[in-house]
Amino acid sequence: MKRILLLIGVVLVVGCGPEPRDLRTLQELDGVYMNPMDGQPYSGPVFEMTGDVRTLTSSLKDGVPDGPYEEYYENGQLERKGTYKDGERDGPYEEYYENGQLEVKGTFKDGERDGLYEEYYRNGQLLEKSSLKDGELDGLYEGYYENGQLEEKGTFKDGEFDGPFELYHENGQLSRKGTYKDGELDGPFEWYHENGQLERKGTHKDGKYDGPLEGYYENGQLLEKSSFKDGELDGPSELYHENGQLKEKGTWKDDELDGPSEGYHENGQLSYKGTFKDGERDGPYEGYYENGQLEEKSSYKDGEWDGPFEYYYDNGQLRSKGTFKDGELDGPFELYHENGQLELKGTRKDGEQCGEWLEDGETLTYPPCSEI
């Protein structure tokens, strides 16, 4: 009998608690929910409704969330659950997809994510696994493709990458590997094609390329060989066609071509040769067709045509000849058809036609060159 009376007493005590209250009947002031009846912060269980579905169950203490809470989708499926303490999330929490599959699980401490964190794809496959401290990533990090294959792994310190890292292709082949220091790439690195062939290797310093760098085609053939200084091309550089033929060679200074440079067609024939100064063509220049025939013979100054020039068709026939001055045609000019017939002949001054011109056998007269 005494046991029964004790149980009845417990039931009476529990039954005396306040009924859950619709959160919308309270007044929110600066994040604190007030009871409009007495103007005091409300304490007790609360809920929210969307239609006929209860989408939130929680508790307030002195007007702020405190204790377990649960949120629901409109279909009644659990969306997230966790715990508040003095208005801040504190303790384990979970989030779910609308289909009921777990999406996120982790822990809060004083309102910040803290400790192990896991995130999942809608199909249940792990997407991310990491560790946090005071809301920042800290410790081992792993990311996964939806097929379950590892995508990336590394280490964080105070919210920044720090230490070795690896990236993977979706087929499981290594994609990139290197090292971070205080959030910046630092030290040797390697990139790989999806077939496992080396794609690029070099060195980073304070997040920038620094030192020799090599790049490769997917077939393993050398693509580029160059050198960097503080993230800028500096020194000799060579580029190659996929068949192994040299494509271009020259010298860089402060990320600009500077000095003699040559280019080659895929068949090994010279494509061009000339000189660059501060990234612009400067001095004699020659360009060639793939069959080895001369295409252009000219001269540049500070990146602009300057001096006599000749252009040719790929059959060796002269196409045009004349003179440039500060990037504009200046002086006698001739233009020919591919069969060798004269098409145009005359004089230009500061880029404008002047004097008598012969155009396809017809003579035309322009203002005298002396008047321009």
Protein backbone atom coordinates (compact mmCIF):
# COMPACT_ATOMS: atom_id res chain seq x y z
CA MET A 1 0.00 0.00 0.00
CA LYS A 2 2.83 2.39 0.89
CA ARG A 3 4.48 1.71 -2.52
CA ILE A 4 1.21 2.50 -4.32
CA LEU A 5 0.81 5.78 -2.41
CA LEU A 6 4.37 6.80 -3.34
CA LEU A 7 3.69 6.12 -7.03
CA ILE A 8 0.49 8.17 -6.88
CA GLY A 9 2.52 11.02 -5.37
CA VAL A 10 5.03 10.91 -8.22
CA VAL A 11 2.24 11.01 -10.80
CA LEU A 12 0.65 14.01 -9.07
CA VAL A 13 3.98 15.88 -9.01
CA VAL A 14 4.62 15.23 -12.72
CA GLY A 15 1.09 16.19 -13.61
CA CYS A 16 1.50 19.54 -11.94
CA GLY A 17 4.07 20.75 -14.56
CA PRO A 18 2.96 23.46 -17.04
CA GLU A 19 1.29 22.39 -20.28
CA PRO A 20 3.44 22.85 -23.44
CA ARG A 21 2.81 26.26 -24.91
CA ASP A 22 2.71 27.41 -28.53
CA LEU A 23 5.85 29.48 -29.06
CA ARG A 24 3.88 31.95 -31.17
CA THR A 25 1.82 32.99 -28.15
CA LEU A 26 4.97 34.40 -26.54
CA GLN A 27 6.62 37.70 -27.33
CA GLU A 28 10.25 37.57 -28.50
CA LEU A 29 12.45 40.46 -27.37
CA ASP A 30 16.17 40.42 -28.24
CA GLY A 31 16.19 36.64 -28.27
CA VAL A 32 14.26 36.28 -25.02
CA TYR A 33 10.70 34.93 -25.03
CA MET A 34 8.37 36.85 -22.72
CA ASN A 35 5.01 35.86 -21.26
CA PRO A 36 2.61 38.58 -22.48
CA MET A 37 0.40 37.97 -19.43
CA ASP A 38 2.96 39.20 -16.89
CA GLY A 39 5.82 40.58 -19.04
CA GLN A 40 8.30 38.13 -17.50
CA PRO A 41 10.67 35.70 -19.28
CA TYR A 42 8.81 32.45 -19.84
CA SER A 43 9.94 29.09 -18.45
CA GLY A 44 8.42 25.79 -19.49
CA PRO A 45 7.87 23.46 -22.45
CA VAL A 46 7.02 25.01 -25.85
CA PHE A 47 6.10 23.82 -29.32
CA GLU A 48 5.44 25.08 -32.85
CA MET A 49 2.86 23.83 -35.33
CA THR A 50 2.83 23.82 -39.14
CA GLY A 51 -0.67 22.89 -40.12
CA ASP A 52 -1.56 19.82 -38.10
CA VAL A 53 2.07 18.81 -37.58
CA ARG A 54 4.09 19.70 -34.51
CA THR A 55 7.43 20.83 -36.02
CA LEU A 56 9.18 21.85 -32.79
CA THR A 57 9.26 20.64 -29.21
CA SER A 58 11.57 22.37 -26.76
CA SER A 59 11.82 24.04 -23.37
CA LEU A 60 12.56 27.55 -22.22
CA LYS A 61 14.22 28.67 -19.01
CA ASP A 62 14.09 32.35 -18.18
CA GLY A 63 13.01 33.00 -21.77
CA VAL A 64 15.82 31.17 -23.60
CA PRO A 65 16.05 27.56 -24.87
CA ASP A 66 17.21 25.13 -22.23
CA GLY A 67 17.09 21.35 -22.35
CA PRO A 68 16.34 18.84 -25.12
CA TYR A 69 14.74 20.01 -28.36
CA GLU A 70 13.44 18.31 -31.49
CA GLU A 71 12.48 19.75 -34.89
CA TYR A 72 10.37 17.94 -37.47
CA TYR A 73 9.66 18.14 -41.20
CA GLU A 74 6.10 18.84 -42.27
CA ASN A 75 5.74 15.13 -43.05
CA GLY A 76 6.36 14.42 -39.35
CA GLN A 77 9.86 13.04 -39.90
CA LEU A 78 12.50 14.10 -37.37
CA GLU A 79 14.77 16.86 -38.84
CA ARG A 80 17.17 17.55 -35.95
CA LYS A 81 17.56 17.03 -32.23
CA GLY A 82 19.91 18.17 -29.53
CA THR A 83 20.16 20.07 -26.27
CA TYR A 84 20.32 23.71 -25.21
CA LYS A 85 21.93 25.12 -22.10
CA ASP A 86 21.24 28.73 -21.10
CA GLY A 87 20.24 29.58 -24.67
CA GLU A 88 23.17 27.92 -26.42
CA ARG A 89 23.42 24.52 -28.00
CA ASP A 90 25.39 22.19 -25.77
CA GLY A 91 25.90 18.45 -26.07
CA PRO A 92 25.29 15.86 -28.80
CA TYR A 93 23.10 16.76 -31.77
CA GLU A 94 21.86 15.05 -34.92
CA GLU A 95 20.30 16.17 -38.21
CA TYR A 96 18.30 14.00 -40.62
CA TYR A 97 17.25 14.03 -44.24
CA GLU A 98 13.54 14.12 -44.98
CA ASN A 99 13.72 10.42 -45.84
CA GLY A 100 14.86 9.67 -42.27
CA GLN A 101 18.50 9.07 -43.15
CA LEU A 102 21.08 10.57 -40.78
CA GLU A 103 22.72 13.68 -42.30
CA VAL A 104 24.89 15.16 -39.52
CA LYS A 105 25.96 14.22 -36.04
CA GLY A 106 28.30 15.95 -33.66
CA THR A 107 28.60 17.82 -30.40
CA PHE A 108 28.22 21.42 -29.29
CA LYS A 109 29.99 23.07 -26.38
CA ASP A 110 28.90 26.53 -25.23
CA GLY A 111 27.24 27.12 -28.60
CA GLU A 112 30.24 26.06 -30.71
CA ARG A 113 30.77 22.77 -32.50
CA ASP A 114 33.34 20.80 -30.57
CA GLY A 115 34.69 17.29 -30.98
CA LEU A 116 33.97 14.66 -33.62
CA TYR A 117 31.80 15.74 -36.56
CA GLU A 118 30.31 13.45 -39.21
CA GLU A 119 28.23 14.26 -42.27
CA TYR A 120 26.50 11.74 -44.56
CA TYR A 121 25.11 11.57 -48.08
CA ARG A 122 21.41 10.99 -48.57
CA ASN A 123 22.18 7.35 -49.40
CA GLY A 124 23.79 6.86 -45.96
CA GLN A 125 27.37 6.97 -47.22
CA LEU A 126 29.85 8.96 -45.11
CA LEU A 127 30.63 12.36 -46.72
CA GLU A 128 32.91 13.98 -44.15
CA LYS A 129 34.59 13.07 -40.89
CA SER A 130 36.43 15.72 -38.92
CA SER A 131 37.23 17.14 -35.51
CA LEU A 132 36.48 20.61 -34.18
CA LYS A 133 37.65 22.68 -31.27
CA ASP A 134 35.81 25.83 -30.19
CA GLY A 135 33.98 25.87 -33.53
CA GLU A 136 37.08 25.51 -35.72
CA LEU A 137 38.39 22.47 -37.55
CA ASP A 138 41.24 21.00 -35.55
CA GLY A 139 42.74 17.57 -36.12
CA LEU A 140 42.25 14.89 -38.75
CA TYR A 141 39.89 15.60 -41.65
CA GLU A 142 38.54 13.12 -44.22
CA GLY A 143 36.14 13.68 -47.12
CA TYR A 144 34.52 10.95 -49.24
CA TYR A 145 32.86 10.57 -52.63
CA GLU A 146 29.28 9.35 -52.71
CA ASN A 147 30.53 5.93 -53.85
CA GLY A 148 32.45 5.60 -50.55
CA GLN A 149 35.86 6.29 -52.05
CA LEU A 150 38.17 8.58 -50.06
CA GLU A 151 38.32 12.04 -51.71
CA GLU A 152 40.67 13.97 -49.42
CA LYS A 153 42.42 13.71 -46.12
CA GLY A 154 44.59 16.04 -44.09
CA THR A 155 45.00 17.79 -40.78
CA PHE A 156 43.66 21.09 -39.48
CA LYS A 157 45.05 23.32 -36.77
CA ASP A 158 43.04 26.28 -35.48
CA GLY A 159 40.78 26.17 -38.54
CA GLU A 160 43.59 25.99 -41.14
CA PHE A 161 45.15 23.13 -43.05
CA ASP A 162 48.44 22.21 -41.42
CA GLY A 163 50.58 19.22 -42.31
CA PRO A 164 50.47 16.58 -45.07
CA PHE A 165 47.35 16.26 -47.27
CA GLU A 166 46.17 13.96 -50.04
CA LEU A 167 43.43 14.24 -52.67
CA TYR A 168 42.06 11.30 -54.66
CA HIS A 169 40.23 10.77 -57.94
CA GLU A 170 36.85 9.10 -57.73
CA ASN A 171 38.41 5.89 -59.08
CA GLY A 172 40.69 5.72 -56.02
CA GLN A 173 43.85 6.97 -57.75
CA LEU A 174 45.90 9.57 -55.92
CA SER A 175 45.22 13.05 -57.37
CA ARG A 176 47.40 15.39 -55.32
CA LYS A 177 49.70 15.28 -52.33
CA GLY A 178 51.67 17.92 -50.52
CA THR A 179 52.01 19.78 -47.25
CA TYR A 180 50.32 22.79 -45.67
CA LYS A 181 51.88 25.14 -43.15
CA ASP A 182 49.63 27.62 -41.35
CA GLY A 183 47.01 27.30 -44.09
CA GLU A 184 49.39 27.72 -47.05
CA LEU A 185 50.95 25.12 -49.31
CA ASP A 186 54.60 24.68 -48.40
CA GLY A 187 57.16 22.12 -49.57
CA PRO A 188 57.26 19.51 -52.34
CA PHE A 189 54.02 18.56 -54.09
CA GLU A 190 52.86 16.10 -56.73
CA TRP A 191 49.73 15.92 -58.91
CA TYR A 192 48.56 12.81 -60.73
CA HIS A 193 46.29 12.08 -63.69
CA GLU A 194 43.31 9.80 -63.19
CA ASN A 195 45.25 6.95 -64.82
CA GLY A 196 47.95 7.23 -62.14
CA GLN A 197 50.51 9.03 -64.31
CA LEU A 198 52.38 11.93 -62.76
CA GLU A 199 50.81 15.24 -63.89
CA ARG A 200 52.94 17.88 -62.14
CA LYS A 201 55.63 18.09 -59.50
CA GLY A 202 57.39 20.99 -57.87
CA THR A 203 57.70 22.94 -54.65
CA HIS A 204 55.57 25.50 -52.84
CA LYS A 205 56.88 28.21 -50.55
CA ASP A 206 54.43 30.30 -48.54
CA GLY A 207 51.61 29.18 -50.86
CA LYS A 208 53.43 30.01 -54.11
CA TYR A 209 55.36 27.99 -56.69
CA ASP A 210 59.08 28.24 -55.99
CA GLY A 211 61.89 26.38 -57.76
CA PRO A 212 61.87 23.83 -60.59
CA LEU A 213 58.51 22.61 -61.90
CA GLU A 214 57.69 19.79 -64.30
CA GLY A 215 54.38 18.91 -65.94
CA TYR A 216 53.43 15.74 -67.81
CA TYR A 217 50.78 14.57 -70.26
CA GLU A 218 48.48 11.70 -69.39
CA ASN A 219 50.64 9.40 -71.52
CA GLY A 220 53.67 10.20 -69.33
CA GLN A 221 55.28 12.52 -71.89
CA LEU A 222 56.93 15.70 -70.56
CA LEU A 223 54.63 18.75 -71.03
CA GLU A 224 56.62 21.54 -69.41
CA LYS A 225 59.84 22.19 -67.61
CA SER A 226 60.31 25.56 -65.97
CA SER A 227 61.38 27.42 -62.86
CA PHE A 228 59.50 29.72 -60.47
CA LYS A 229 60.49 32.33 -57.93
CA ASP A 230 57.93 33.64 -55.43
CA GLY A 231 55.09 32.35 -57.62
CA GLU A 232 56.37 33.85 -60.88
CA LEU A 233 58.07 32.21 -63.83
CA ASP A 234 61.77 32.97 -63.64
CA GLY A 235 64.51 31.33 -65.68
CA PRO A 236 64.60 28.93 -68.65
CA SER A 237 61.34 27.31 -69.70
CA GLU A 238 60.43 24.56 -72.16
CA LEU A 239 57.05 23.35 -73.39
CA TYR A 240 56.50 20.13 -75.34
CA HIS A 241 53.88 18.70 -77.69
CA GLU A 242 52.21 15.48 -76.61
CA ASN A 243 54.27 13.57 -79.18
CA GLY A 244 57.46 14.64 -77.38
CA GLN A 245 58.46 17.37 -79.83
CA LEU A 246 59.66 20.67 -78.37
CA LYS A 247 56.86 23.26 -78.60
CA GLU A 248 58.43 26.39 -77.14
CA LYS A 249 61.55 27.46 -75.30
CA GLY A 250 62.65 30.74 -73.83
CA THR A 251 63.61 32.58 -70.69
CA TRP A 252 61.32 34.24 -68.16
CA LYS A 253 62.02 37.08 -65.77
CA ASP A 254 59.48 38.25 -63.20
CA ASP A 255 56.76 36.20 -64.95
CA GLU A 256 57.45 37.74 -68.39
CA LEU A 257 59.31 36.39 -71.40
CA ASP A 258 62.69 38.08 -71.63
CA GLY A 259 65.37 37.19 -74.16
CA PRO A 260 65.50 34.88 -77.19
CA SER A 261 62.51 32.58 -77.72
CA GLU A 262 61.65 29.84 -80.21
CA GLY A 263 58.48 27.94 -81.03
CA TYR A 264 58.05 24.68 -82.95
CA HIS A 265 55.24 22.92 -84.78
CA GLU A 266 54.20 19.42 -83.75
CA ASN A 267 56.19 17.99 -86.68
CA GLY A 268 59.36 19.56 -85.31
CA GLN A 269 59.51 22.43 -87.81
CA LEU A 270 60.42 25.86 -86.46
CA SER A 271 57.25 27.93 -85.81
CA TYR A 272 58.83 31.23 -84.80
CA LYS A 273 62.00 32.75 -83.47
CA GLY A 274 62.53 36.17 -81.98
CA THR A 275 63.42 38.13 -78.90
CA PHE A 276 61.26 39.33 -76.02
CA LYS A 277 61.88 42.19 -73.63
CA ASP A 278 59.72 42.58 -70.52
CA GLY A 279 57.12 40.24 -72.05
CA GLU A 280 56.90 42.00 -75.44
CA ARG A 281 58.46 41.24 -78.80
CA ASP A 282 61.54 43.35 -79.41
CA GLY A 283 63.92 43.05 -82.35
CA PRO A 284 63.94 40.80 -85.46
CA TYR A 285 61.17 38.21 -85.69
CA GLU A 286 60.51 35.29 -88.06
CA GLY A 287 57.45 33.08 -88.30
CA TYR A 288 57.21 29.80 -90.26
CA TYR A 289 54.49 27.53 -91.65
CA GLU A 290 54.28 23.90 -90.65
CA ASN A 291 55.87 22.95 -93.98
CA GLY A 292 58.96 25.00 -93.07
CA GLN A 293 58.12 27.87 -95.42
CA LEU A 294 58.77 31.40 -94.16
CA GLU A 295 55.51 33.18 -93.22
CA GLU A 296 56.69 36.42 -91.65
CA LYS A 297 59.90 38.37 -91.46
CA SER A 298 59.65 41.58 -89.48
CA SER A 299 60.95 43.62 -86.60
CA TYR A 300 59.41 44.76 -83.33
CA LYS A 301 60.09 47.51 -80.82
CA ASP A 302 58.41 47.47 -77.40
CA GLY A 303 55.79 45.02 -78.70
CA GLU A 304 54.88 46.98 -81.85
CA TRP A 305 55.85 46.42 -85.47
CA ASP A 306 58.73 48.71 -86.38
CA GLY A 307 60.80 48.61 -89.56
CA PRO A 308 60.60 46.62 -92.83
CA PHE A 309 58.41 43.51 -93.02
CA GLU A 310 57.55 40.75 -95.45
CA TYR A 311 54.70 38.20 -95.36
CA TYR A 312 54.51 35.04 -97.50
CA TYR A 313 51.92 32.45 -98.51
CA ASP A 314 52.59 28.85 -97.52
CA ASN A 315 53.65 28.16 -101.12
CA GLY A 316 56.52 30.63 -100.76
CA GLN A 317 54.85 33.40 -102.78
CA LEU A 318 55.23 36.95 -101.42
CA ARG A 319 51.98 38.15 -99.82
CA SER A 320 52.86 41.68 -98.67
CA LYS A 321 55.79 43.91 -97.89
CA GLY A 322 56.24 47.35 -96.46
CA THR A 323 57.47 49.28 -93.45
CA PHE A 324 56.07 49.92 -90.00
CA LYS A 325 56.83 52.87 -87.76
CA ASP A 326 55.61 52.78 -84.15
CA GLY A 327 53.07 50.09 -85.04
CA GLU A 328 51.61 51.85 -88.13
CA LEU A 329 52.29 51.35 -91.82
CA ASP A 330 54.58 54.10 -93.08
CA GLY A 331 56.14 54.19 -96.55
CA PRO A 332 55.76 52.05 -99.69
CA PHE A 333 53.42 49.07 -99.41
CA GLU A 334 52.67 46.13 -101.73
CA LEU A 335 50.06 43.35 -101.53
CA TYR A 336 49.96 40.27 -103.81
CA HIS A 337 47.50 37.50 -104.71
CA GLU A 338 48.54 33.91 -103.99
CA ASN A 339 49.31 33.43 -107.71
CA GLY A 340 51.86 36.26 -107.61
CA GLN A 341 49.68 38.92 -109.24
CA LEU A 342 49.96 42.42 -107.77
CA GLU A 343 46.76 43.36 -105.90
CA LEU A 344 47.64 46.64 -104.22
CA LYS A 345 50.55 49.07 -104.34
CA GLY A 346 50.97 52.51 -102.85
CA THR A 347 52.28 54.58 -99.98
CA ARG A 348 51.10 55.10 -96.44
CA LYS A 349 52.06 57.74 -93.94
CA ASP A 350 51.20 57.34 -90.29
CA GLY A 351 48.92 54.48 -91.35
CA GLU A 352 46.94 56.47 -93.95
CA GLN A 353 46.95 56.02 -97.74
CA CYS A 354 48.48 58.88 -99.68
CA GLY A 355 49.53 59.72 -103.23
CA GLU A 356 48.81 57.35 -106.14
CA TRP A 357 47.70 53.77 -105.48
CA LEU A 358 47.33 50.87 -107.86
CA GLU A 359 44.41 48.59 -106.89
CA ASP A 360 43.84 45.54 -109.16
CA GLY A 361 45.06 47.48 -112.22
CA GLU A 362 43.15 50.66 -111.43
CA THR A 363 44.91 53.87 -110.38
CA LEU A 364 43.44 55.78 -107.45
CA THR A 365 44.63 59.10 -106.09
CA TYR A 366 44.72 60.03 -102.40
CA PRO A 367 45.85 63.27 -100.71
CA PRO A 368 49.57 63.95 -101.18
CA CYS A 369 51.77 62.33 -98.56
CA SER A 370 53.29 65.73 -97.80
CA GLU A 371 49.90 66.96 -96.58
CA ILE A 372 49.48 64.20 -94.01
